[in-house]
Amino acid sequence: MNRLFYKIFAIFCMVIMLAALVLGAVFWFFQASLQESHRDQQRNQSAAFLRSSLTVFHQRGEEGLKELLSDWQNSRIAPNLFIIRGDSDRDILDRSIDIRQVSNAAALARENPEARQARISYDNLGEEYLFFIRDWDKAVLKDALQQASLIPGLPPSPNRYEAIILLSLISAGLLLAFTLAHYIAMPIRTLHDGFDQLAKGNLKIRLAEKMRGRNDELTDLASDFDHMANRLQVLVTSQQNLLHHVSHEMRSPLARLQALLGLAQQQPEKYEKHLSRIEAELTRMDTLIAELLTLSRLETGSTKITLEPIEFNEFLDQLITDCHSITVHHKKTIQWVMHPEPIYIHANEDMLYRAFDNIIRNACTYAPEDSAIDIQLQVTAKWLLVNIMDQGDGIPPEQLSKIFDAFYRATSTQHIKGTGLGLSITKQIIEQHGGSVTAENLKPKGFTMHVVLPLIAPAETLETP
């Protein structure tokens, strides 16, 4: 996993080196331009000194010229100004000079009388004097060169200080490259470790919290990883629960089937009776398996529910009509008032029918005889509220939150036959429709189920699916 880190680090180092080379070239060009400017400045100053000395020579002669040169000795330019009288190999201040430079300067002055670096003049007696600047072509201010900074913009300083600065900049660049490479590679390493943990079966691993604060694409990738891990955990947990519940719930009917088969073998004369009981147990097992599969598909989302606009008044009216035989059998009545305005919701009619049918059947089962089941509709701006109330004994308050769990049976209902999956399936169906279902005991007596479903605008029902 460190390969990516090294690659990123190497790329940043190459970028820093390239930037250093480019900056070095720019600095070198700037320094060369600065040195050339220094040369031009020195030449201009040297030429000005030469012209001034000519003026003094014409006005005051050699003695005045000597005084002037003596006064200029402390300047940086004057030591390069030489004045040769006649054929002498020494200047008027008795300074030695290379005879070849004297010859070259004299030749230049005669060839170009207006040359800036060499002139010939005569005193009142006709004596020839050669004025010239030594090393004109190499004219560079030594002090300027010694003090010039390799890094433009820095004050003049010894080279060791510049070396320290350059090394500091390089070190800072390498540290920055290391930090950036680590910043980029670290979350990828975290993702790698997360996938490794997931592959080993750790479905609880989550990464988004570890990358909190980055707010970049890698954080989004970690969130996607968490979503995937959560989805896998739900699927695996659902399968494990399904296997556990199936094995638990099948144990009793299978034991009864074995017992009935044994009785049928021992009592051939009661074969028909035992066969009908075996058929009833098989039917119960088939119902249980079907409901288990339905619940599992709803929990995992493997069953895609197609939603279409329906009018809820018509839907509920048809459902209550279909439940008439059940209410008559249980000696109950259903009271409800159709809402004065059409109520449109998005729903899978078959699935929603199953959910409300299960709630109404439970109310008919647990409510006392000759009582009424009251259904009330309330409409808000965005929601439909359906309250289904009966006059039963209700459920112990501490068990209200558990009745929607698979196979959970409240203590007040354990004497009534059932799979224990009805309300779990109902809850999953309602939630698949974007709603919610809750239970509440009524005072002084009674029980109600609250179903909340999202509304749609009437105009949407006119669209052709």
Protein backbone atom coordinates (compact mmCIF):
# COMPACT_ATOMS: atom_id res chain seq x y z
CA MET A 1 0.00 0.00 0.00
CA ASN A 2 3.07 2.22 0.38
CA ARG A 3 3.66 2.08 -3.37
CA LEU A 4 1.12 4.82 -3.98
CA PHE A 5 2.68 6.94 -1.24
CA TYR A 6 6.13 6.61 -2.79
CA LYS A 7 4.78 7.43 -6.24
CA ILE A 8 3.02 10.54 -5.01
CA PHE A 9 6.06 11.55 -2.97
CA ALA A 10 8.34 11.06 -6.00
CA ILE A 11 6.02 13.13 -8.20
CA PHE A 12 5.96 15.98 -5.70
CA CYS A 13 9.76 15.81 -5.38
CA MET A 14 10.15 15.99 -9.16
CA VAL A 15 7.76 18.93 -9.29
CA ILE A 16 9.75 20.69 -6.57
CA MET A 17 13.03 19.95 -8.37
CA LEU A 18 11.62 21.21 -11.65
CA ALA A 19 10.35 24.33 -9.93
CA ALA A 20 13.78 24.79 -8.33
CA LEU A 21 15.47 24.46 -11.74
CA VAL A 22 13.10 26.95 -13.32
CA LEU A 23 13.54 29.38 -10.44
CA GLY A 24 17.31 28.84 -10.59
CA ALA A 25 17.33 29.67 -14.29
CA VAL A 26 15.24 32.78 -13.63
CA PHE A 27 17.53 33.82 -10.78
CA TRP A 28 20.63 33.19 -12.93
CA PHE A 29 19.22 35.32 -15.73
CA PHE A 30 18.30 38.02 -13.23
CA GLN A 31 21.77 37.85 -11.66
CA ALA A 32 23.46 38.00 -15.08
CA SER A 33 21.35 41.03 -15.97
CA LEU A 34 22.23 42.58 -12.62
CA GLN A 35 25.95 42.01 -13.21
CA GLU A 36 25.75 43.48 -16.68
CA SER A 37 23.99 46.47 -15.19
CA HIS A 38 26.85 46.77 -12.69
CA ARG A 39 29.37 46.66 -15.54
CA ASP A 40 27.54 49.39 -17.44
CA GLN A 41 27.31 51.48 -14.30
CA GLN A 42 31.04 51.06 -13.61
CA ARG A 43 31.95 51.92 -17.19
CA ASN A 44 29.79 55.02 -17.08
CA GLN A 45 31.43 56.06 -13.81
CA SER A 46 34.90 55.27 -15.19
CA ALA A 47 34.22 57.31 -18.33
CA ALA A 48 32.99 60.18 -16.17
CA PHE A 49 36.18 60.01 -14.09
CA LEU A 50 38.25 60.02 -17.29
CA ARG A 51 36.44 63.08 -18.65
CA SER A 52 36.78 64.89 -15.32
CA SER A 53 40.51 64.17 -15.23
CA LEU A 54 40.88 65.55 -18.77
CA THR A 55 39.09 68.72 -17.73
CA VAL A 56 41.33 69.18 -14.68
CA PHE A 57 44.43 68.46 -16.81
CA HIS A 58 43.48 71.16 -19.30
CA GLN A 59 42.81 73.64 -16.50
CA ARG A 60 45.54 72.89 -13.93
CA GLY A 61 48.07 70.72 -15.68
CA GLU A 62 49.87 67.66 -14.35
CA GLU A 63 50.16 68.92 -10.78
CA GLY A 64 46.44 69.51 -10.53
CA LEU A 65 45.86 66.09 -12.07
CA LYS A 66 48.07 64.41 -9.45
CA GLU A 67 46.14 66.13 -6.66
CA LEU A 68 42.88 64.96 -8.20
CA LEU A 69 44.04 61.34 -8.52
CA SER A 70 45.33 61.40 -4.95
CA ASP A 71 41.91 62.59 -3.77
CA TRP A 72 40.22 59.81 -5.77
CA GLN A 73 42.32 56.93 -4.45
CA ASN A 74 39.67 55.95 -1.93
CA SER A 75 37.02 55.54 -4.62
CA ARG A 76 36.38 52.20 -6.33
CA ILE A 77 36.89 53.60 -9.83
CA ALA A 78 40.05 55.75 -9.54
CA PRO A 79 42.53 52.85 -9.05
CA ASN A 80 41.73 51.72 -12.60
CA LEU A 81 42.33 55.19 -14.11
CA PHE A 82 45.90 55.49 -15.39
CA ILE A 83 47.62 58.52 -16.98
CA ILE A 84 50.88 57.86 -18.85
CA ARG A 85 53.23 60.67 -19.82
CA GLY A 86 55.08 60.12 -23.09
CA ASP A 87 56.88 56.76 -23.44
CA SER A 88 56.98 55.95 -19.74
CA ASP A 89 55.86 52.55 -18.52
CA ARG A 90 54.59 54.09 -15.28
CA ASP A 91 51.78 56.57 -14.77
CA ILE A 92 52.13 60.03 -13.26
CA LEU A 93 51.55 58.59 -9.75
CA ASP A 94 54.44 56.21 -10.37
CA ARG A 95 52.14 53.14 -10.55
CA SER A 96 53.36 50.27 -12.71
CA ILE A 97 51.25 49.08 -15.59
CA ASP A 98 51.48 46.34 -18.18
CA ILE A 99 53.09 47.84 -21.26
CA ARG A 100 50.74 45.83 -23.49
CA GLN A 101 47.70 47.51 -21.96
CA VAL A 102 49.37 50.88 -22.53
CA SER A 103 50.03 50.04 -26.18
CA ASN A 104 46.49 48.77 -26.74
CA ALA A 105 44.98 51.86 -25.08
CA ALA A 106 47.17 54.21 -27.15
CA ALA A 107 46.22 52.43 -30.36
CA LEU A 108 42.51 52.65 -29.47
CA ALA A 109 42.76 56.36 -28.60
CA ARG A 110 44.47 57.16 -31.90
CA GLU A 111 42.04 55.03 -33.90
CA ASN A 112 38.97 56.38 -32.12
CA PRO A 113 39.55 59.80 -30.56
CA GLU A 114 36.04 59.70 -29.00
CA ALA A 115 36.54 56.35 -27.26
CA ARG A 116 35.16 56.32 -23.75
CA GLN A 117 37.92 54.25 -22.16
CA ALA A 118 41.03 55.85 -23.72
CA ARG A 119 41.96 59.41 -24.71
CA ILE A 120 45.20 61.25 -25.72
CA SER A 121 45.80 64.84 -24.68
CA TYR A 122 48.74 67.31 -24.71
CA ASP A 123 49.99 69.89 -22.26
CA ASN A 124 51.08 73.43 -23.11
CA LEU A 125 54.56 72.21 -24.10
CA GLY A 126 53.18 69.55 -26.46
CA GLU A 127 53.95 66.62 -24.16
CA GLU A 128 51.62 63.66 -24.88
CA TYR A 129 49.51 62.20 -22.09
CA LEU A 130 47.55 58.95 -22.43
CA PHE A 131 44.41 58.67 -20.28
CA PHE A 132 42.82 55.16 -20.13
CA ILE A 133 40.78 52.81 -17.95
CA ARG A 134 42.50 49.54 -17.16
CA ASP A 135 40.56 46.28 -17.80
CA TRP A 136 37.65 48.08 -19.46
CA ASP A 137 36.29 44.88 -21.10
CA LYS A 138 36.45 43.04 -17.78
CA ALA A 139 35.06 45.87 -15.79
CA VAL A 140 33.14 44.35 -12.91
CA LEU A 141 32.97 45.85 -9.49
CA LYS A 142 34.78 43.36 -7.31
CA ASP A 143 32.97 44.49 -4.19
CA ALA A 144 29.66 44.13 -5.97
CA LEU A 145 30.55 40.63 -7.06
CA GLN A 146 31.68 39.67 -3.60
CA GLN A 147 28.52 41.03 -2.04
CA ALA A 148 26.07 40.04 -4.78
CA SER A 149 23.43 37.59 -3.58
CA LEU A 150 22.81 34.34 -5.42
CA ILE A 151 19.14 34.75 -4.50
CA PRO A 152 17.82 38.08 -5.82
CA GLY A 153 15.95 40.08 -3.25
CA LEU A 154 18.09 38.92 -0.32
CA PRO A 155 20.53 41.38 1.26
CA PRO A 156 24.22 40.79 0.53
CA SER A 157 25.53 38.01 2.73
CA PRO A 158 28.23 35.35 2.83
CA ASN A 159 27.55 32.32 0.62
CA ARG A 160 27.24 30.00 3.62
CA TYR A 161 24.10 31.84 4.69
CA GLU A 162 22.65 31.48 1.22
CA ALA A 163 23.50 27.77 1.30
CA ILE A 164 21.64 27.47 4.61
CA ILE A 165 18.64 29.25 3.11
CA LEU A 166 18.68 27.03 0.02
CA LEU A 167 18.96 23.88 2.12
CA SER A 168 16.12 25.11 4.32
CA LEU A 169 13.93 25.71 1.26
CA ILE A 170 14.74 22.26 -0.12
CA SER A 171 14.03 20.65 3.26
CA ALA A 172 10.74 22.54 3.53
CA GLY A 173 9.82 21.39 0.02
CA LEU A 174 10.59 17.76 0.84
CA LEU A 175 8.60 18.03 4.07
CA LEU A 176 5.69 19.53 2.15
CA ALA A 177 5.92 16.73 -0.45
CA PHE A 178 5.93 14.12 2.32
CA THR A 179 2.95 15.76 4.05
CA LEU A 180 0.91 16.00 0.85
CA ALA A 181 1.75 12.44 -0.17
CA HIS A 182 0.75 11.22 3.28
CA TYR A 183 -2.45 13.31 3.19
CA ILE A 184 -3.49 11.72 -0.11
CA ALA A 185 -2.30 8.16 0.55
CA MET A 186 -3.58 7.85 4.13
CA PRO A 187 -7.34 7.72 3.31
CA ILE A 188 -6.65 5.26 0.49
CA ARG A 189 -4.79 3.08 2.99
CA THR A 190 -7.79 3.43 5.31
CA LEU A 191 -10.11 2.31 2.49
CA HIS A 192 -7.80 -0.64 1.77
CA ASP A 193 -7.89 -1.69 5.42
CA GLY A 194 -11.67 -1.29 5.45
CA PHE A 195 -12.14 -3.55 2.44
CA ASP A 196 -9.77 -6.06 4.03
CA GLN A 197 -11.82 -6.07 7.24
CA LEU A 198 -15.03 -6.41 5.24
CA ALA A 199 -13.60 -9.36 3.30
CA LYS A 200 -12.74 -11.02 6.63
CA GLY A 201 -16.38 -10.77 7.72
CA ASN A 202 -16.30 -7.65 9.89
CA LEU A 203 -19.56 -6.10 8.71
CA LYS A 204 -19.49 -3.45 11.44
CA ILE A 205 -16.49 -1.64 9.94
CA ARG A 206 -17.22 2.01 9.06
CA LEU A 207 -14.84 4.56 7.54
CA ALA A 208 -16.63 7.90 7.15
CA GLU A 209 -16.01 8.86 10.78
CA LYS A 210 -12.26 8.25 10.34
CA MET A 211 -12.17 10.68 7.40
CA ARG A 212 -14.36 13.34 8.95
CA GLY A 213 -13.12 16.85 8.20
CA ARG A 214 -11.61 16.18 4.75
CA ASN A 215 -14.74 17.11 2.75
CA ASP A 216 -13.45 15.76 -0.56
CA GLU A 217 -14.08 12.93 -3.02
CA LEU A 218 -12.29 10.44 -0.79
CA THR A 219 -14.72 11.27 2.01
CA ASP A 220 -17.60 10.61 -0.40
CA LEU A 221 -15.98 7.28 -1.26
CA ALA A 222 -15.80 6.42 2.44
CA SER A 223 -19.50 7.28 2.80
CA ASP A 224 -20.28 5.00 -0.15
CA PHE A 225 -18.23 2.28 1.54
CA ASP A 226 -20.26 2.70 4.74
CA HIS A 227 -23.48 2.51 2.75
CA MET A 228 -22.28 -0.69 1.08
CA ALA A 229 -21.14 -2.19 4.40
CA ASN A 230 -24.44 -1.27 6.04
CA ARG A 231 -26.34 -2.85 3.16
CA LEU A 232 -24.28 -6.03 3.41
CA GLN A 233 -24.81 -6.12 7.16
CA VAL A 234 -28.57 -5.81 6.71
CA LEU A 235 -28.62 -8.57 4.10
CA VAL A 236 -26.44 -10.96 6.08
CA THR A 237 -28.23 -10.23 9.35
CA SER A 238 -31.58 -10.74 7.66
CA GLN A 239 -30.46 -14.08 6.27
CA GLN A 240 -29.13 -15.14 9.66
CA ASN A 241 -32.35 -14.08 11.37
CA LEU A 242 -34.39 -15.86 8.73
CA LEU A 243 -32.42 -19.05 9.23
CA HIS A 244 -32.74 -18.75 13.00
CA HIS A 245 -36.48 -18.07 12.91
CA VAL A 246 -37.17 -20.78 10.37
CA SER A 247 -35.28 -23.38 12.38
CA HIS A 248 -37.03 -22.25 15.57
CA GLU A 249 -40.54 -22.02 14.15
CA MET A 250 -40.30 -25.23 12.15
CA ARG A 251 -39.17 -27.32 15.07
CA SER A 252 -42.63 -27.48 16.72
CA PRO A 253 -44.74 -28.26 13.61
CA LEU A 254 -42.20 -30.84 12.45
CA ALA A 255 -42.33 -32.48 15.85
CA ARG A 256 -46.13 -32.53 15.65
CA LEU A 257 -45.98 -34.01 12.15
CA GLN A 258 -43.71 -36.78 13.35
CA ALA A 259 -46.07 -37.47 16.23
CA LEU A 260 -49.11 -37.53 13.92
CA LEU A 261 -47.37 -39.88 11.51
CA GLY A 262 -46.55 -42.18 14.41
CA LEU A 263 -50.17 -42.10 15.58
CA ALA A 264 -51.42 -42.76 12.06
CA GLN A 265 -49.21 -45.84 11.88
CA GLN A 266 -50.31 -47.06 15.29
CA GLN A 267 -54.03 -46.26 14.79
CA PRO A 268 -54.98 -47.11 11.21
CA GLU A 269 -58.65 -46.74 12.05
CA LYS A 270 -58.10 -42.99 12.74
CA TYR A 271 -56.03 -42.47 9.59
CA GLU A 272 -58.39 -39.88 8.09
CA LYS A 273 -58.45 -37.83 11.27
CA HIS A 274 -54.67 -37.82 11.56
CA LEU A 275 -54.31 -37.01 7.85
CA SER A 276 -56.49 -33.92 8.19
CA ARG A 277 -54.39 -32.75 11.13
CA ILE A 278 -51.21 -33.36 9.13
CA GLU A 279 -52.67 -31.31 6.28
CA ALA A 280 -53.47 -28.47 8.69
CA GLU A 281 -49.90 -28.49 10.03
CA LEU A 282 -48.50 -28.46 6.48
CA THR A 283 -50.75 -25.54 5.59
CA ARG A 284 -49.55 -23.68 8.67
CA MET A 285 -45.92 -24.38 7.72
CA ASP A 286 -46.54 -23.22 4.17
CA THR A 287 -48.08 -19.97 5.44
CA LEU A 288 -45.22 -19.44 7.84
CA ILE A 289 -42.59 -19.98 5.13
CA ALA A 290 -44.41 -17.65 2.73
CA GLU A 291 -44.59 -14.91 5.34
CA LEU A 292 -40.96 -15.41 6.29
CA LEU A 293 -39.89 -15.03 2.67
CA THR A 294 -42.08 -11.95 2.26
CA LEU A 295 -40.63 -10.35 5.38
CA SER A 296 -37.07 -11.18 4.32
CA ARG A 297 -37.56 -9.66 0.87
CA LEU A 298 -39.09 -6.53 2.34
CA GLU A 299 -36.29 -6.12 4.88
CA THR A 300 -33.52 -6.57 2.32
CA GLY A 301 -35.24 -4.52 -0.37
CA SER A 302 -34.91 -7.36 -2.88
CA THR A 303 -38.61 -7.00 -3.69
CA LYS A 304 -39.20 -3.89 -5.78
CA ILE A 305 -42.54 -2.30 -4.98
CA THR A 306 -44.09 -0.44 -7.91
CA LEU A 307 -46.05 2.57 -6.68
CA GLU A 308 -48.96 4.06 -8.57
CA PRO A 309 -51.44 6.83 -7.69
CA ILE A 310 -54.57 5.54 -5.94
CA GLU A 311 -57.54 7.25 -4.33
CA PHE A 312 -57.53 6.21 -0.67
CA ASN A 313 -61.28 6.62 0.01
CA GLU A 314 -62.09 4.08 -2.71
CA PHE A 315 -59.25 1.80 -1.58
CA LEU A 316 -60.41 1.76 2.06
CA ASP A 317 -64.07 1.34 1.10
CA GLN A 318 -63.24 -1.77 -0.94
CA LEU A 319 -61.07 -3.15 1.87
CA ILE A 320 -63.84 -2.72 4.48
CA THR A 321 -66.33 -4.36 2.13
CA ASP A 322 -64.00 -7.34 1.71
CA CYS A 323 -63.60 -7.59 5.50
CA HIS A 324 -67.36 -7.82 6.07
CA SER A 325 -67.35 -11.59 6.44
CA ILE A 326 -64.54 -11.39 8.99
CA THR A 327 -66.30 -8.76 11.09
CA VAL A 328 -69.51 -10.77 11.01
CA HIS A 329 -67.63 -13.90 12.08
CA HIS A 330 -66.05 -12.07 15.02
CA LYS A 331 -69.27 -10.19 15.81
CA LYS A 332 -67.70 -6.78 15.21
CA THR A 333 -68.65 -3.71 13.20
CA ILE A 334 -66.46 -1.19 11.39
CA GLN A 335 -67.31 2.49 11.64
CA TRP A 336 -65.72 5.03 9.35
CA VAL A 337 -66.61 8.20 7.47
CA MET A 338 -65.34 8.79 3.96
CA HIS A 339 -63.26 11.96 3.67
CA PRO A 340 -65.18 14.70 1.82
CA GLU A 341 -62.23 15.35 -0.52
CA PRO A 342 -60.37 12.81 -2.69
CA ILE A 343 -57.18 11.54 -1.06
CA TYR A 344 -54.39 10.56 -3.44
CA ILE A 345 -51.33 8.59 -2.43
CA HIS A 346 -48.61 6.66 -4.23
CA ALA A 347 -49.03 3.00 -3.37
CA ASN A 348 -48.74 -0.59 -4.44
CA GLU A 349 -52.38 -1.46 -3.97
CA ASP A 350 -51.86 -5.17 -3.31
CA MET A 351 -49.13 -4.63 -0.71
CA LEU A 352 -50.95 -1.77 1.02
CA TYR A 353 -54.13 -3.86 1.01
CA ARG A 354 -52.24 -6.61 2.84
CA ALA A 355 -50.92 -4.18 5.46
CA PHE A 356 -54.31 -2.63 6.32
CA ASP A 357 -56.07 -6.00 6.08
CA ASN A 358 -53.68 -7.38 8.70
CA ILE A 359 -54.34 -4.42 11.04
CA ILE A 360 -58.12 -4.75 10.69
CA ARG A 361 -57.98 -8.55 11.18
CA ASN A 362 -55.95 -8.06 14.37
CA ALA A 363 -58.50 -5.53 15.63
CA CYS A 364 -61.32 -7.98 14.90
CA THR A 365 -59.42 -10.77 16.68
CA TYR A 366 -58.48 -8.94 19.87
CA ALA A 367 -61.49 -6.62 20.37
CA PRO A 368 -64.40 -7.88 22.50
CA GLU A 369 -67.53 -9.21 20.81
CA ASP A 370 -70.30 -6.79 19.83
CA SER A 371 -67.83 -3.89 19.79
CA ALA A 372 -66.99 -1.43 17.02
CA ILE A 373 -63.73 -0.81 15.20
CA ASP A 374 -63.42 2.89 14.48
CA ILE A 375 -61.36 4.14 11.50
CA GLN A 376 -60.61 7.86 11.29
CA LEU A 377 -58.95 9.75 8.43
CA GLN A 378 -57.06 13.01 8.90
CA VAL A 379 -55.40 14.97 6.10
CA THR A 380 -52.67 17.56 6.55
CA ALA A 381 -50.73 19.49 3.93
CA LYS A 382 -48.45 16.56 3.11
CA TRP A 383 -49.63 13.55 5.08
CA LEU A 384 -52.55 11.16 5.45
CA LEU A 385 -53.15 9.93 9.02
CA VAL A 386 -55.20 6.74 9.46
CA ASN A 387 -56.19 5.78 13.03
CA ILE A 388 -57.63 2.27 13.51
CA MET A 389 -59.08 1.96 17.02
CA ASP A 390 -60.62 -0.99 18.84
CA GLN A 391 -62.02 -1.49 22.35
CA GLY A 392 -59.72 -4.33 23.34
CA ASP A 393 -57.56 -4.60 26.44
CA GLY A 394 -54.50 -3.23 24.68
CA ILE A 395 -50.89 -4.26 25.24
CA PRO A 396 -48.62 -3.76 28.26
CA PRO A 397 -46.89 -0.38 27.71
CA GLU A 398 -43.38 -1.84 27.96
CA GLN A 399 -44.19 -4.18 25.05
CA LEU A 400 -45.59 -1.60 22.63
CA SER A 401 -42.25 -0.96 20.92
CA LYS A 402 -41.66 -4.70 20.38
CA ILE A 403 -44.89 -5.81 18.72
CA PHE A 404 -43.48 -4.98 15.27
CA ASP A 405 -40.53 -7.36 15.78
CA ALA A 406 -40.67 -10.67 13.94
CA PHE A 407 -42.19 -13.53 15.98
CA TYR A 408 -42.81 -11.29 18.99
CA ARG A 409 -46.08 -12.05 20.74
CA ALA A 410 -47.36 -9.78 23.49
CA THR A 411 -48.28 -11.54 26.73
CA SER A 412 -51.92 -10.57 26.25
CA THR A 413 -52.10 -12.24 22.81
CA GLN A 414 -50.08 -15.44 23.25
CA HIS A 415 -53.22 -17.54 23.57
CA ILE A 416 -54.29 -16.62 20.03
CA LYS A 417 -52.86 -18.57 17.11
CA GLY A 418 -50.69 -16.77 14.56
CA THR A 419 -47.26 -16.69 12.97
CA GLY A 420 -46.10 -13.55 14.77
CA LEU A 421 -45.03 -12.00 11.46
CA GLY A 422 -48.10 -9.99 10.49
CA LEU A 423 -47.19 -6.68 12.11
CA SER A 424 -43.55 -7.00 11.02
CA ILE A 425 -44.69 -7.34 7.41
CA THR A 426 -47.16 -4.48 7.89
CA LYS A 427 -44.42 -2.21 9.23
CA GLN A 428 -42.09 -3.03 6.32
CA ILE A 429 -44.84 -2.38 3.74
CA ILE A 430 -45.79 0.98 5.26
CA GLU A 431 -42.15 2.06 5.42
CA GLN A 432 -41.65 0.98 1.79
CA HIS A 433 -44.41 3.49 1.00
CA GLY A 434 -42.51 6.27 2.78
CA GLY A 435 -44.74 6.20 5.85
CA SER A 436 -44.73 4.93 9.41
CA VAL A 437 -46.88 2.87 11.76
CA THR A 438 -47.04 3.07 15.56
CA ALA A 439 -49.20 1.58 18.32
CA GLU A 440 -50.80 3.23 21.35
CA ASN A 441 -53.02 2.17 24.22
CA LEU A 442 -56.17 4.22 24.76
CA LYS A 443 -57.54 5.32 28.12
CA PRO A 444 -59.41 3.98 29.97
CA LYS A 445 -59.54 1.06 27.52
CA GLY A 446 -58.76 0.40 23.93
CA PHE A 447 -55.97 0.18 21.41
CA THR A 448 -55.12 2.15 18.27
CA MET A 449 -52.76 1.80 15.33
CA HIS A 450 -51.53 5.06 13.76
CA VAL A 451 -50.57 4.83 10.09
CA VAL A 452 -49.01 7.83 8.36
CA LEU A 453 -48.63 7.95 4.55
CA PRO A 454 -47.36 10.74 2.26
CA LEU A 455 -49.88 12.50 0.03
CA ILE A 456 -49.45 13.46 -3.60
CA ALA A 457 -50.95 16.40 -5.46
CA PRO A 458 -54.17 15.59 -7.35
CA ALA A 459 -52.57 16.74 -10.62
CA GLU A 460 -50.09 13.86 -10.46
CA THR A 461 -52.90 11.31 -10.64
CA LEU A 462 -53.75 12.55 -14.14
CA GLU A 463 -50.38 11.49 -15.53
CA THR A 464 -50.32 8.23 -17.43
CA PRO A 465 -48.00 5.73 -15.78
